[in-house]
PDB file of N, CA and C in Angstrom:
ATOM      1  N   MET A   1      97.499 -20.180 -14.199  1.00  0.00           N
ATOM      2  CA  MET A   1      97.996 -21.356 -13.493  1.00  0.00           C
ATOM      3  C   MET A   1      99.379 -21.696 -14.057  1.00  0.00           C
ATOM      4  N   SER A   2     100.344 -21.947 -13.162  1.00  0.00           N
ATOM      5  CA  SER A   2     101.681 -22.305 -13.617  1.00  0.00           C
ATOM      6  C   SER A   2     101.888 -23.807 -13.491  1.00  0.00           C
ATOM      7  N   THR A   3     102.734 -24.305 -14.337  1.00  0.00           N
ATOM      8  CA  THR A   3     103.061 -25.727 -14.328  1.00  0.00           C
ATOM      9  C   THR A   3     104.534 -25.887 -13.955  1.00  0.00           C
ATOM     10  N   ALA A   4     104.834 -26.744 -13.004  1.00  0.00           N
ATOM     11  CA  ALA A   4     106.218 -26.983 -12.597  1.00  0.00           C
ATOM     12  C   ALA A   4     106.974 -27.682 -13.718  1.00  0.00           C
ATOM     13  N   ALA A   5     108.231 -27.302 -13.865  1.00  0.00           N
ATOM     14  CA  ALA A   5     109.081 -27.952 -14.864  1.00  0.00           C
ATOM     15  C   ALA A   5     109.352 -29.391 -14.429  1.00  0.00           C
ATOM     16  N   PRO A   6     109.409 -30.320 -15.376  1.00  0.00           N
ATOM     17  CA  PRO A   6     109.683 -31.703 -15.002  1.00  0.00           C
ATOM     18  C   PRO A   6     111.126 -31.863 -14.509  1.00  0.00           C
ATOM     19  N   THR A   7     111.334 -32.807 -13.619  1.00  0.00           N
ATOM     20  CA  THR A   7     112.666 -33.157 -13.157  1.00  0.00           C
ATOM     21  C   THR A   7     113.125 -34.365 -13.956  1.00  0.00           C
ATOM     22  N   LEU A   8     114.251 -34.213 -14.642  1.00  0.00           N
ATOM     23  CA  LEU A   8     114.776 -35.316 -15.444  1.00  0.00           C
ATOM     24  C   LEU A   8     115.703 -36.164 -14.586  1.00  0.00           C
ATOM     25  N   VAL A   9     115.527 -37.474 -14.663  1.00  0.00           N
ATOM     26  CA  VAL A   9     116.347 -38.398 -13.889  1.00  0.00           C
ATOM     27  C   VAL A   9     116.879 -39.503 -14.797  1.00  0.00           C
ATOM     28  N   THR A  10     117.865 -40.203 -14.291  1.00  0.00           N
ATOM     29  CA  THR A  10     118.434 -41.318 -15.032  1.00  0.00           C
ATOM     30  C   THR A  10     118.679 -42.485 -14.084  1.00  0.00           C
ATOM     31  N   LEU A  11     118.549 -43.682 -14.589  1.00  0.00           N
ATOM     32  CA  LEU A  11     118.941 -44.894 -13.879  1.00  0.00           C
ATOM     33  C   LEU A  11     119.965 -45.606 -14.759  1.00  0.00           C
ATOM     34  N   VAL A  12     120.948 -46.235 -14.134  1.00  0.00           N
ATOM     35  CA  VAL A  12     122.012 -46.902 -14.876  1.00  0.00           C
ATOM     36  C   VAL A  12     121.976 -48.389 -14.542  1.00  0.00           C
ATOM     37  N   TYR A  13     121.753 -49.200 -15.553  1.00  0.00           N
ATOM     38  CA  TYR A  13     121.786 -50.647 -15.367  1.00  0.00           C
ATOM     39  C   TYR A  13     123.038 -51.177 -16.044  1.00  0.00           C
ATOM     40  N   CYS A  14     124.025 -51.562 -15.234  1.00  0.00           N
ATOM     41  CA  CYS A  14     125.287 -52.098 -15.746  1.00  0.00           C
ATOM     42  C   CYS A  14     125.235 -53.608 -15.658  1.00  0.00           C
ATOM     43  N   ARG A  15     125.462 -54.246 -16.791  1.00  0.00           N
ATOM     44  CA  ARG A  15     125.427 -55.703 -16.823  1.00  0.00           C
ATOM     45  C   ARG A  15     126.754 -56.227 -17.354  1.00  0.00           C
ATOM     46  N   ARG A  16     127.290 -57.213 -16.680  1.00  0.00           N
ATOM     47  CA  ARG A  16     128.488 -57.906 -17.142  1.00  0.00           C
ATOM     48  C   ARG A  16     128.235 -59.390 -16.937  1.00  0.00           C
ATOM     49  N   ASP A  17     128.383 -60.139 -18.012  1.00  0.00           N
ATOM     50  CA  ASP A  17     128.056 -61.567 -17.991  1.00  0.00           C
ATOM     51  C   ASP A  17     126.602 -61.706 -17.526  1.00  0.00           C
ATOM     52  N   ASP A  18     126.363 -62.455 -16.476  1.00  0.00           N
ATOM     53  CA  ASP A  18     125.000 -62.630 -15.976  1.00  0.00           C
ATOM     54  C   ASP A  18     124.755 -61.832 -14.696  1.00  0.00           C
ATOM     55  N   LYS A  19     125.558 -60.781 -14.465  1.00  0.00           N
ATOM     56  CA  LYS A  19     125.446 -60.000 -13.237  1.00  0.00           C
ATOM     57  C   LYS A  19     124.996 -58.581 -13.549  1.00  0.00           C
ATOM     58  N   ILE A  20     124.203 -58.000 -12.649  1.00  0.00           N
ATOM     59  CA  ILE A  20     123.728 -56.623 -12.769  1.00  0.00           C
ATOM     60  C   ILE A  20     124.178 -55.860 -11.520  1.00  0.00           C
ATOM     61  N   LEU A  21     124.755 -54.666 -11.731  1.00  0.00           N
ATOM     62  CA  LEU A  21     125.209 -53.835 -10.621  1.00  0.00           C
ATOM     63  C   LEU A  21     124.013 -53.175  -9.939  1.00  0.00           C
ATOM     64  N   LEU A  22     123.856 -53.436  -8.641  1.00  0.00           N
ATOM     65  CA  LEU A  22     122.826 -52.797  -7.830  1.00  0.00           C
ATOM     66  C   LEU A  22     123.474 -52.266  -6.560  1.00  0.00           C
ATOM     67  N   LEU A  23     122.862 -51.256  -5.974  1.00  0.00           N
ATOM     68  CA  LEU A  23     123.339 -50.672  -4.721  1.00  0.00           C
ATOM     69  C   LEU A  23     122.292 -50.896  -3.638  1.00  0.00           C
ATOM     70  N   LYS A  24     122.742 -51.138  -2.426  1.00  0.00           N
ATOM     71  CA  LYS A  24     121.823 -51.293  -1.302  1.00  0.00           C
ATOM     72  C   LYS A  24     121.662 -49.940  -0.611  1.00  0.00           C
ATOM     73  N   ARG A  25     120.432 -49.437  -0.572  1.00  0.00           N
ATOM     74  CA  ARG A  25     120.158 -48.125   0.021  1.00  0.00           C
ATOM     75  C   ARG A  25     120.450 -48.127   1.512  1.00  0.00           C
ATOM     76  N   ARG A  26     121.042 -47.041   1.989  1.00  0.00           N
ATOM     77  CA  ARG A  26     121.296 -46.870   3.415  1.00  0.00           C
ATOM     78  C   ARG A  26     120.314 -45.899   4.048  1.00  0.00           C
ATOM     79  N   LYS A  27     119.850 -44.927   3.241  1.00  0.00           N
ATOM     80  CA  LYS A  27     119.032 -43.837   3.772  1.00  0.00           C
ATOM     81  C   LYS A  27     117.561 -44.017   3.417  1.00  0.00           C
ATOM     82  N   ALA A  28     116.730 -43.257   4.136  1.00  0.00           N
ATOM     83  CA  ALA A  28     115.303 -43.201   3.813  1.00  0.00           C
ATOM     84  C   ALA A  28     115.142 -42.421   2.514  1.00  0.00           C
ATOM     85  N   PRO A  29     114.186 -42.674   1.721  1.00  0.00           N
ATOM     86  CA  PRO A  29     113.208 -43.730   1.921  1.00  0.00           C
ATOM     87  C   PRO A  29     113.766 -45.087   1.487  1.00  0.00           C
ATOM     88  N   TYR A  30     113.215 -46.106   2.003  1.00  0.00           N
ATOM     89  CA  TYR A  30     113.505 -47.491   1.622  1.00  0.00           C
ATOM     90  C   TYR A  30     114.910 -47.982   1.976  1.00  0.00           C
ATOM     91  N   PRO A  31     115.399 -47.761   3.190  1.00  0.00           N
ATOM     92  CA  PRO A  31     116.704 -48.316   3.549  1.00  0.00           C
ATOM     93  C   PRO A  31     116.678 -49.838   3.443  1.00  0.00           C
ATOM     94  N   GLY A  32     117.764 -50.391   2.940  1.00  0.00           N
ATOM     95  CA  GLY A  32     117.868 -51.838   2.788  1.00  0.00           C
ATOM     96  C   GLY A  32     117.396 -52.344   1.437  1.00  0.00           C
ATOM     97  N   TYR A  33     116.743 -51.495   0.646  1.00  0.00           N
ATOM     98  CA  TYR A  33     116.290 -51.912  -0.685  1.00  0.00           C
ATOM     99  C   TYR A  33     117.451 -51.867  -1.678  1.00  0.00           C
ATOM    100  N   TRP A  34     117.415 -52.753  -2.665  1.00  0.00           N
ATOM    101  CA  TRP A  34     118.401 -52.778  -3.739  1.00  0.00           C
ATOM    102  C   TRP A  34     117.903 -51.936  -4.899  1.00  0.00           C
ATOM    103  N   VAL A  35     118.775 -51.038  -5.415  1.00  0.00           N
ATOM    104  CA  VAL A  35     118.391 -50.113  -6.486  1.00  0.00           C
ATOM    105  C   VAL A  35     119.519 -49.979  -7.504  1.00  0.00           C
ATOM    106  N   ALA A  36     119.163 -49.515  -8.689  1.00  0.00           N
ATOM    107  CA  ALA A  36     120.154 -49.172  -9.700  1.00  0.00           C
ATOM    108  C   ALA A  36     120.711 -47.788  -9.389  1.00  0.00           C
ATOM    109  N   PRO A  37     121.985 -47.530  -9.700  1.00  0.00           N
ATOM    110  CA  PRO A  37     122.529 -46.190  -9.527  1.00  0.00           C
ATOM    111  C   PRO A  37     121.769 -45.197 -10.404  1.00  0.00           C
ATOM    112  N   GLY A  38     121.620 -43.980  -9.926  1.00  0.00           N
ATOM    113  CA  GLY A  38     120.947 -42.966 -10.731  1.00  0.00           C
ATOM    114  C   GLY A  38     120.681 -41.719  -9.933  1.00  0.00           C
ATOM    115  N   GLY A  39     120.093 -40.744 -10.606  1.00  0.00           N
ATOM    116  CA  GLY A  39     119.771 -39.490  -9.953  1.00  0.00           C
ATOM    117  C   GLY A  39     119.339 -38.447 -10.953  1.00  0.00           C
ATOM    118  N   LYS A  40     119.335 -37.198 -10.513  1.00  0.00           N
ATOM    119  CA  LYS A  40     118.859 -36.097 -11.344  1.00  0.00           C
ATOM    120  C   LYS A  40     119.895 -35.721 -12.407  1.00  0.00           C
ATOM    121  N   ILE A  41     119.392 -35.358 -13.572  1.00  0.00           N
ATOM    122  CA  ILE A  41     120.231 -34.833 -14.637  1.00  0.00           C
ATOM    123  C   ILE A  41     120.371 -33.336 -14.416  1.00  0.00           C
ATOM    124  N   GLU A  42     121.603 -32.840 -14.415  1.00  0.00           N
ATOM    125  CA  GLU A  42     121.871 -31.425 -14.183  1.00  0.00           C
ATOM    126  C   GLU A  42     121.544 -30.602 -15.430  1.00  0.00           C
ATOM    127  N   PRO A  43     121.204 -29.322 -15.244  1.00  0.00           N
ATOM    128  CA  PRO A  43     120.945 -28.461 -16.405  1.00  0.00           C
ATOM    129  C   PRO A  43     122.139 -28.452 -17.356  1.00  0.00           C
ATOM    130  N   GLY A  44     121.867 -28.602 -18.640  1.00  0.00           N
ATOM    131  CA  GLY A  44     122.918 -28.606 -19.650  1.00  0.00           C
ATOM    132  C   GLY A  44     123.562 -29.961 -19.886  1.00  0.00           C
ATOM    133  N   GLU A  45     123.227 -30.954 -19.074  1.00  0.00           N
ATOM    134  CA  GLU A  45     123.776 -32.303 -19.210  1.00  0.00           C
ATOM    135  C   GLU A  45     122.911 -33.125 -20.144  1.00  0.00           C
ATOM    136  N   SER A  46     123.531 -33.981 -20.927  1.00  0.00           N
ATOM    137  CA  SER A  46     122.765 -34.950 -21.707  1.00  0.00           C
ATOM    138  C   SER A  46     122.401 -36.112 -20.783  1.00  0.00           C
ATOM    139  N   PRO A  47     121.409 -36.913 -21.151  1.00  0.00           N
ATOM    140  CA  PRO A  47     121.098 -38.087 -20.329  1.00  0.00           C
ATOM    141  C   PRO A  47     122.314 -39.005 -20.143  1.00  0.00           C
ATOM    142  N   ARG A  48     123.104 -39.171 -21.195  1.00  0.00           N
ATOM    143  CA  ARG A  48     124.312 -40.017 -21.093  1.00  0.00           C
ATOM    144  C   ARG A  48     125.310 -39.430 -20.105  1.00  0.00           C
ATOM    145  N   GLU A  49     125.564 -38.127 -20.197  1.00  0.00           N
ATOM    146  CA  GLU A  49     126.490 -37.473 -19.270  1.00  0.00           C
ATOM    147  C   GLU A  49     125.995 -37.593 -17.831  1.00  0.00           C
ATOM    148  N   GLY A  50     124.699 -37.391 -17.625  1.00  0.00           N
ATOM    149  CA  GLY A  50     124.131 -37.512 -16.288  1.00  0.00           C
ATOM    150  C   GLY A  50     124.246 -38.922 -15.745  1.00  0.00           C
ATOM    151  N   ALA A  51     124.013 -39.914 -16.608  1.00  0.00           N
ATOM    152  CA  ALA A  51     124.120 -41.312 -16.185  1.00  0.00           C
ATOM    153  C   ALA A  51     125.552 -41.648 -15.785  1.00  0.00           C
ATOM    154  N   LEU A  52     126.518 -41.221 -16.588  1.00  0.00           N
ATOM    155  CA  LEU A  52     127.920 -41.504 -16.264  1.00  0.00           C
ATOM    156  C   LEU A  52     128.355 -40.800 -14.988  1.00  0.00           C
ATOM    157  N   ARG A  53     127.922 -39.550 -14.805  1.00  0.00           N
ATOM    158  CA  ARG A  53     128.268 -38.814 -13.587  1.00  0.00           C
ATOM    159  C   ARG A  53     127.669 -39.484 -12.353  1.00  0.00           C
ATOM    160  N   GLU A  54     126.387 -39.853 -12.429  1.00  0.00           N
ATOM    161  CA  GLU A  54     125.738 -40.503 -11.287  1.00  0.00           C
ATOM    162  C   GLU A  54     126.400 -41.842 -10.968  1.00  0.00           C
ATOM    163  N   LEU A  55     126.738 -42.603 -11.984  1.00  0.00           N
ATOM    164  CA  LEU A  55     127.414 -43.893 -11.771  1.00  0.00           C
ATOM    165  C   LEU A  55     128.726 -43.675 -11.025  1.00  0.00           C
ATOM    166  N   GLN A  56     129.500 -42.673 -11.447  1.00  0.00           N
ATOM    167  CA  GLN A  56     130.779 -42.396 -10.798  1.00  0.00           C
ATOM    168  C   GLN A  56     130.573 -41.890  -9.372  1.00  0.00           C
ATOM    169  N   GLU A  57     129.624 -40.979  -9.176  1.00  0.00           N
ATOM    170  CA  GLU A  57     129.374 -40.429  -7.838  1.00  0.00           C
ATOM    171  C   GLU A  57     128.914 -41.492  -6.848  1.00  0.00           C
ATOM    172  N   GLU A  58     128.069 -42.391  -7.297  1.00  0.00           N
ATOM    173  CA  GLU A  58     127.466 -43.361  -6.367  1.00  0.00           C
ATOM    174  C   GLU A  58     128.297 -44.622  -6.168  1.00  0.00           C
ATOM    175  N   THR A  59     129.189 -44.922  -7.121  1.00  0.00           N
ATOM    176  CA  THR A  59     129.952 -46.167  -7.013  1.00  0.00           C
ATOM    177  C   THR A  59     131.463 -45.973  -6.984  1.00  0.00           C
ATOM    178  N   GLY A  60     131.933 -44.839  -7.506  1.00  0.00           N
ATOM    179  CA  GLY A  60     133.368 -44.627  -7.647  1.00  0.00           C
ATOM    180  C   GLY A  60     133.921 -45.246  -8.916  1.00  0.00           C
ATOM    181  N   LEU A  61     133.073 -45.924  -9.684  1.00  0.00           N
ATOM    182  CA  LEU A  61     133.515 -46.538 -10.934  1.00  0.00           C
ATOM    183  C   LEU A  61     133.678 -45.474 -12.007  1.00  0.00           C
ATOM    184  N   THR A  62     134.656 -45.661 -12.887  1.00  0.00           N
ATOM    185  CA  THR A  62     134.848 -44.723 -13.996  1.00  0.00           C
ATOM    186  C   THR A  62     134.825 -45.457 -15.318  1.00  0.00           C
TER     187      THR A  62
END
């Protein structure tokens, strides 16, 4: 029996003062829901590198 490799993901919670950065989903599943930026960590990436890349890809922030 084989076991599938786990998929590593990251979520980024950016807070400034009393505000938290959230994105409103446009696509299924859950269009209209508010979520934190995030996604899959690429092979060879650290969790920090993956979080920064996803934040930039999804928001344009650097």
